C-alpha cells in the first residue's frame, strides 16, 4: 500500500503520552494513528451503509400480511 505523509498538530502533552504508549507497545505513533483513523473510517462507513439499508427498507415497506387492509376496528383494539 502506498503511503503519504501528512502534517498533524498535537499538543506536546498528548504527543508525549502517545509516544510513551507506542514505546510500551513496541510500535510507532504512525501505526497507532493509522489504526485509529482506519477504525474510525470503518465505523462511519458501516453506519452510513446501515442507514441507507434501513431507509430503503422503510421506502419499500414491510409485508404485515394484511394486504394493506386493517381487519379490525379501533374500538376493538382500545377497550374502554
Protein backbone atom coordinates (compact mmCIF):
# COMPACT_ATOMS: atom_id res chain seq x y z
CA UNK A 1 0.00 0.00 0.00
CA UNK A 2 1.34 3.38 -0.97
CA UNK A 3 1.82 5.80 1.92
CA UNK A 4 1.55 9.57 2.03
CA UNK A 5 2.93 11.87 4.67
CA UNK A 6 0.66 14.36 6.41
CA UNK A 7 1.21 17.12 8.93
CA UNK A 8 -0.57 16.67 12.22
CA UNK A 9 -0.51 19.18 15.06
CA UNK A 10 -0.95 17.80 18.56
CA UNK A 11 -0.39 19.29 21.96
CA UNK A 12 3.01 18.42 23.42
CA UNK A 13 1.34 16.58 26.29
CA UNK A 14 -0.77 14.38 24.01
CA UNK A 15 2.22 13.62 21.80
CA UNK A 16 4.34 12.73 24.84
CA UNK A 17 1.67 10.36 26.14
CA UNK A 18 1.21 8.69 22.75
CA UNK A 19 4.97 8.23 22.36
CA UNK A 20 5.08 6.52 25.75
CA UNK A 21 2.20 4.23 24.78
CA UNK A 22 3.85 3.44 21.44
CA UNK A 23 7.10 2.53 23.18
CA UNK A 24 5.27 0.33 25.67
CA UNK A 25 3.50 -1.49 22.81
CA UNK A 26 6.71 -1.68 20.71
CA UNK A 27 5.06 0.21 17.86
CA UNK A 28 5.12 3.72 16.38
CA UNK A 29 2.95 6.78 16.69
CA UNK A 30 2.27 6.42 12.97
CA UNK A 31 0.99 2.85 13.43
CA UNK A 32 -1.26 3.94 16.29
CA UNK A 33 -2.69 6.84 14.30
CA UNK A 34 -3.21 4.69 11.21
CA UNK A 35 -5.12 2.07 13.25
CA UNK A 36 -7.27 4.69 14.99
CA UNK A 37 -8.12 6.50 11.76
CA UNK A 38 -8.83 3.24 9.93
CA UNK A 39 -11.17 2.09 12.72
CA UNK A 40 -12.89 5.49 12.71
CA UNK A 41 -13.46 5.40 8.94
CA UNK A 42 -14.68 1.79 9.01
CA UNK A 43 -17.15 2.57 11.81
CA UNK A 44 -18.64 5.53 9.97
CA UNK A 45 -18.79 3.72 6.63
CA UNK A 46 -20.68 0.89 8.32
CA UNK A 47 -23.08 3.34 9.92
CA UNK A 48 -23.67 5.07 6.59
CA UNK A 49 -24.42 1.74 4.86
CA UNK A 50 -26.75 0.57 7.63
CA UNK A 51 -28.61 3.89 7.48
CA UNK A 52 -29.01 3.59 3.71
CA UNK A 53 -30.23 0.00 4.01
CA UNK A 54 -32.85 0.96 6.59
CA UNK A 55 -34.04 3.97 4.57
CA UNK A 56 -34.56 1.68 1.55
CA UNK A 57 -36.47 -0.79 3.73
CA UNK A 58 -38.69 2.00 5.03
CA UNK A 59 -39.44 3.14 1.47
CA UNK A 60 -40.39 -0.34 0.31
CA UNK A 61 -42.43 -1.08 3.42
CA UNK A 62 -42.98 -4.35 5.21
CA UNK A 63 -45.48 -7.09 4.42
CA UNK A 64 -47.67 -7.33 7.51
CA UNK A 65 -49.91 -9.95 5.95
CA UNK A 66 -52.92 -7.64 5.71
CA UNK A 67 -52.66 -6.64 2.04
CA UNK A 68 -52.90 -3.06 3.29
CA UNK A 69 -56.37 -3.51 4.80
CA UNK A 70 -56.99 -3.41 8.53
CA UNK A 71 -59.30 -6.24 9.56
CA UNK A 72 -60.09 -4.68 12.93
CA UNK A 73 -61.79 -1.62 14.27
CA UNK A 74 -60.27 0.93 16.60
CA UNK A 75 -62.87 0.17 19.22
CA UNK A 76 -61.84 -3.49 19.25
CA UNK A 77 -58.25 -2.55 19.99
CA UNK A 78 -58.98 0.08 22.64
CA UNK A 79 -61.45 -1.24 25.17
CA UNK A 80 -62.94 1.44 27.36
